[in-house]
Amino acid sequence: MSKLTALFWDVGGVILSNGWDEEARGRAASRFNLDLVEFERRHQALFAAFEEGRMTLDAYLDQTVFYRPQPFSREDFTSFIFSQSKEKKEVRAILDEVTAANRYFQATLNNEGLELNNYRVRKFDLARNLSAFFSSCYLGLRKPDEAIYRQALNITQRAPEDCVFIDDRLPNVDGARRVGMRAIHFLNAAQLRAELAQNGVAVTQS
């Protein structure tokens, strides 16, 4: 096996909770009394553009929520979106251990809209662990498109076999494997710790 030099981390579902997934949208529909079927229909039509940085959060909300008058403010709805983000503390502990070892280049490789991505990076101080942010909103590409993995590898000048990619969604894991990266399908912190060790990343319980 080649020498591991880099780890690429998904954010939503691994380091943090998902940013704006189906469950969060369901909670928003309940909280703000939205027609969930119509909200989801509009969301699905626009979300690729939002995650690829071709649409701002305001523009997304204009067409999914505020296309008609609402009894709540844009600020209240945006605050609700941001409030859905939580840290996965057991995984963050592992990430901190790997960072402290100072042996690997570490970056994100994630799908996220610009405003939400930037908020989560700042709110949870992801820069303390990660040296680069290969987010869909910056690259204009989304997982599992093979091009986003290749772009991250080209920019960092890493051989795919020298990298581990970690994601909770199997299609995204399969995309990384198709370009030759090692990949871990994240299930929980204990399983992640074990599979990192199998790839030569020794992290001990703190």
Protein backbone atom coordinates (compact mmCIF):
# COMPACT_ATOMS: atom_id res chain seq x y z
CA MET A 1 0.00 0.00 0.00
CA SER A 2 1.27 3.47 -0.90
CA LYS A 3 2.11 5.98 1.81
CA LEU A 4 -0.84 8.00 3.02
CA THR A 5 -0.22 11.76 2.87
CA ALA A 6 -3.65 13.41 2.86
CA LEU A 7 -7.14 13.12 4.30
CA PHE A 8 -10.17 14.68 2.63
CA TRP A 9 -13.22 15.05 4.87
CA ASP A 10 -16.87 15.48 4.11
CA VAL A 11 -18.41 17.98 6.54
CA GLY A 12 -22.17 17.45 6.75
CA GLY A 13 -22.90 14.04 8.21
CA VAL A 14 -19.29 13.44 9.31
CA ILE A 15 -17.71 16.36 11.21
CA LEU A 16 -20.97 18.26 11.61
CA SER A 17 -24.64 17.48 11.21
CA ASN A 18 -26.01 17.89 7.71
CA GLY A 19 -26.48 21.54 6.88
CA TRP A 20 -29.80 21.66 5.03
CA ASP A 21 -31.00 18.13 4.46
CA GLU A 22 -34.49 16.67 4.16
CA GLU A 23 -34.96 16.42 7.93
CA ALA A 24 -33.95 20.05 8.47
CA ARG A 25 -36.27 21.18 5.70
CA GLY A 26 -39.08 19.19 7.29
CA ARG A 27 -38.46 20.94 10.60
CA ALA A 28 -38.49 24.29 8.80
CA ALA A 29 -41.79 23.49 7.09
CA SER A 30 -43.32 22.61 10.46
CA ARG A 31 -41.85 25.60 12.27
CA PHE A 32 -42.90 28.14 9.60
CA ASN A 33 -46.09 26.41 8.43
CA LEU A 34 -44.90 25.82 4.86
CA ASP A 35 -46.45 23.45 2.34
CA LEU A 36 -43.73 20.78 2.53
CA VAL A 37 -44.58 19.20 -0.84
CA GLU A 38 -44.36 22.54 -2.65
CA PHE A 39 -41.26 23.55 -0.68
CA GLU A 40 -39.51 20.30 -1.60
CA ARG A 41 -40.49 20.64 -5.25
CA ARG A 42 -38.99 24.10 -5.44
CA HIS A 43 -35.95 23.04 -3.42
CA GLN A 44 -35.13 20.12 -5.70
CA ALA A 45 -35.32 22.34 -8.78
CA LEU A 46 -32.81 24.84 -7.38
CA PHE A 47 -30.49 23.10 -4.94
CA ALA A 48 -27.83 22.02 -7.44
CA ALA A 49 -27.36 25.64 -8.51
CA PHE A 50 -27.20 26.75 -4.87
CA GLU A 51 -24.61 24.13 -3.89
CA GLU A 52 -22.50 24.83 -6.97
CA GLY A 53 -22.29 28.52 -6.15
CA ARG A 54 -24.45 29.62 -9.07
CA MET A 55 -27.21 30.92 -6.79
CA THR A 56 -27.02 32.89 -3.56
CA LEU A 57 -28.93 31.89 -0.46
CA ASP A 58 -31.15 34.94 -0.89
CA ALA A 59 -31.98 33.94 -4.46
CA TYR A 60 -32.69 30.38 -3.33
CA LEU A 61 -35.02 31.65 -0.61
CA ASP A 62 -36.71 34.04 -3.04
CA GLN A 63 -37.87 31.07 -5.08
CA THR A 64 -38.47 28.45 -2.38
CA VAL A 65 -40.00 30.45 0.48
CA PHE A 66 -40.47 34.15 -0.29
CA TYR A 67 -42.07 33.85 -3.72
CA ARG A 68 -45.18 34.96 -1.84
CA PRO A 69 -45.66 37.11 1.29
CA GLN A 70 -44.84 35.29 4.54
CA PRO A 71 -45.71 36.14 8.16
CA PHE A 72 -42.05 35.74 9.15
CA SER A 73 -38.87 37.51 8.11
CA ARG A 74 -36.05 36.36 5.89
CA GLU A 75 -33.72 36.88 8.82
CA ASP A 76 -35.74 34.53 11.02
CA PHE A 77 -35.77 31.83 8.36
CA THR A 78 -32.05 32.18 7.63
CA SER A 79 -31.25 32.01 11.34
CA PHE A 80 -33.27 28.81 11.56
CA ILE A 81 -31.25 27.27 8.69
CA PHE A 82 -27.97 28.13 10.41
CA SER A 83 -29.21 26.87 13.79
CA GLN A 84 -29.59 23.34 12.44
CA SER A 85 -25.81 22.84 12.37
CA LYS A 86 -24.33 20.86 15.25
CA GLU A 87 -20.84 19.44 15.84
CA LYS A 88 -20.31 15.67 15.99
CA LYS A 89 -18.09 15.79 19.05
CA GLU A 90 -16.70 12.24 18.87
CA VAL A 91 -15.62 12.75 15.27
CA ARG A 92 -14.18 16.18 16.02
CA ALA A 93 -12.09 14.57 18.75
CA ILE A 94 -10.63 12.18 16.18
CA LEU A 95 -9.98 15.05 13.80
CA ASP A 96 -8.20 16.95 16.57
CA GLU A 97 -6.01 13.92 17.28
CA VAL A 98 -5.04 13.55 13.63
CA THR A 99 -4.33 17.27 13.44
CA ALA A 100 -2.12 17.14 16.56
CA ALA A 101 -0.02 14.38 14.97
CA ASN A 102 0.89 16.86 12.21
CA ARG A 103 1.59 14.08 9.69
CA TYR A 104 -1.11 14.64 7.07
CA PHE A 105 -2.48 17.33 4.82
CA GLN A 106 -6.18 17.69 5.64
CA ALA A 107 -8.97 19.40 3.70
CA THR A 108 -12.70 19.31 3.21
CA LEU A 109 -14.30 17.86 0.09
CA ASN A 110 -17.95 18.71 0.55
CA ASN A 111 -21.19 19.82 -1.07
CA GLU A 112 -22.54 23.02 0.46
CA GLY A 113 -24.03 26.37 -0.54
CA LEU A 114 -21.75 29.37 -0.10
CA GLU A 115 -23.36 31.19 2.82
CA LEU A 116 -24.02 28.04 4.81
CA ASN A 117 -20.54 26.69 4.09
CA ASN A 118 -18.87 29.92 5.20
CA TYR A 119 -20.99 30.07 8.36
CA ARG A 120 -20.13 26.51 9.34
CA VAL A 121 -16.40 26.98 8.72
CA ARG A 122 -16.38 30.03 11.00
CA LYS A 123 -18.86 28.83 13.62
CA PHE A 124 -17.02 25.55 14.25
CA ASP A 125 -13.49 26.84 13.58
CA LEU A 126 -12.84 24.18 10.95
CA ALA A 127 -9.65 25.99 9.93
CA ARG A 128 -7.99 24.77 13.12
CA ASN A 129 -7.93 21.30 11.56
CA LEU A 130 -8.20 21.81 7.82
CA SER A 131 -5.79 23.56 5.48
CA ALA A 132 -8.06 23.87 2.44
CA PHE A 133 -11.77 23.83 1.65
CA PHE A 134 -12.76 22.07 -1.55
CA SER A 135 -16.43 22.92 -1.34
CA SER A 136 -18.89 22.61 -4.20
CA CYS A 137 -19.77 26.29 -3.91
CA TYR A 138 -16.13 27.25 -4.62
CA LEU A 139 -15.39 24.70 -7.34
CA GLY A 140 -18.72 24.75 -9.19
CA LEU A 141 -18.82 20.95 -8.99
CA ARG A 142 -20.62 18.51 -6.71
CA LYS A 143 -19.95 15.02 -5.46
CA PRO A 144 -20.24 12.36 -6.74
CA ASP A 145 -19.09 13.93 -10.04
CA GLU A 146 -15.57 12.56 -10.52
CA ALA A 147 -14.39 15.99 -11.61
CA ILE A 148 -14.58 17.44 -8.09
CA TYR A 149 -12.26 14.74 -6.70
CA ARG A 150 -9.83 15.20 -9.59
CA GLN A 151 -9.86 18.96 -9.05
CA ALA A 152 -8.93 18.58 -5.39
CA LEU A 153 -6.16 16.13 -6.28
CA ASN A 154 -4.80 18.37 -9.04
CA ILE A 155 -4.79 21.48 -6.87
CA THR A 156 -3.02 19.71 -4.01
CA GLN A 157 -0.76 17.68 -6.33
CA ARG A 158 -1.63 14.43 -4.56
CA ALA A 159 -1.70 10.95 -6.01
CA PRO A 160 -5.17 9.48 -5.44
CA GLU A 161 -3.81 6.32 -3.84
CA ASP A 162 -2.03 8.48 -1.24
CA CYS A 163 -5.31 10.00 -0.04
CA VAL A 164 -8.22 8.89 2.11
CA PHE A 165 -11.66 10.38 1.55
CA ILE A 166 -14.32 10.14 4.29
CA ASP A 167 -18.03 10.55 3.60
CA ASP A 168 -21.33 9.31 5.03
CA ARG A 169 -23.00 8.91 1.62
CA LEU A 170 -22.09 5.80 -0.32
CA PRO A 171 -22.45 7.38 -3.82
CA ASN A 172 -19.85 9.99 -2.81
CA VAL A 173 -17.54 7.26 -1.48
CA ASP A 174 -17.93 5.38 -4.76
CA GLY A 175 -17.04 8.55 -6.70
CA ALA A 176 -13.76 8.86 -4.80
CA ARG A 177 -12.94 5.21 -5.36
CA ARG A 178 -13.55 5.58 -9.10
CA VAL A 179 -10.71 8.10 -9.32
CA GLY A 180 -8.39 5.85 -7.29
CA MET A 181 -8.67 7.38 -3.83
CA ARG A 182 -8.93 5.25 -0.73
CA ALA A 183 -12.30 5.89 0.84
CA ILE A 184 -14.13 5.30 4.10
CA HIS A 185 -17.91 5.10 4.22
CA PHE A 186 -18.53 6.80 7.56
CA LEU A 187 -21.03 5.13 9.90
CA ASN A 188 -19.93 6.23 13.37
CA ALA A 189 -16.88 7.47 15.27
CA ALA A 190 -15.71 4.05 16.45
CA GLN A 191 -15.88 2.60 12.94
CA LEU A 192 -14.06 5.67 11.55
CA ARG A 193 -11.28 5.29 14.12
CA ALA A 194 -10.87 1.60 13.21
CA GLU A 195 -10.81 2.21 9.44
CA LEU A 196 -8.36 5.08 9.76
CA ALA A 197 -6.08 2.72 11.68
CA GLN A 198 -6.42 0.13 8.88
CA ASN A 199 -5.14 2.85 6.52
CA GLY A 200 -2.18 3.57 8.76
CA VAL A 201 -3.61 6.57 10.59
CA ALA A 202 -3.05 5.73 14.25
CA VAL A 203 -5.37 7.72 16.49
CA THR A 204 -5.61 6.80 20.15
CA GLN A 205 -8.51 7.51 22.44
CA SER A 206 -7.84 10.69 24.38
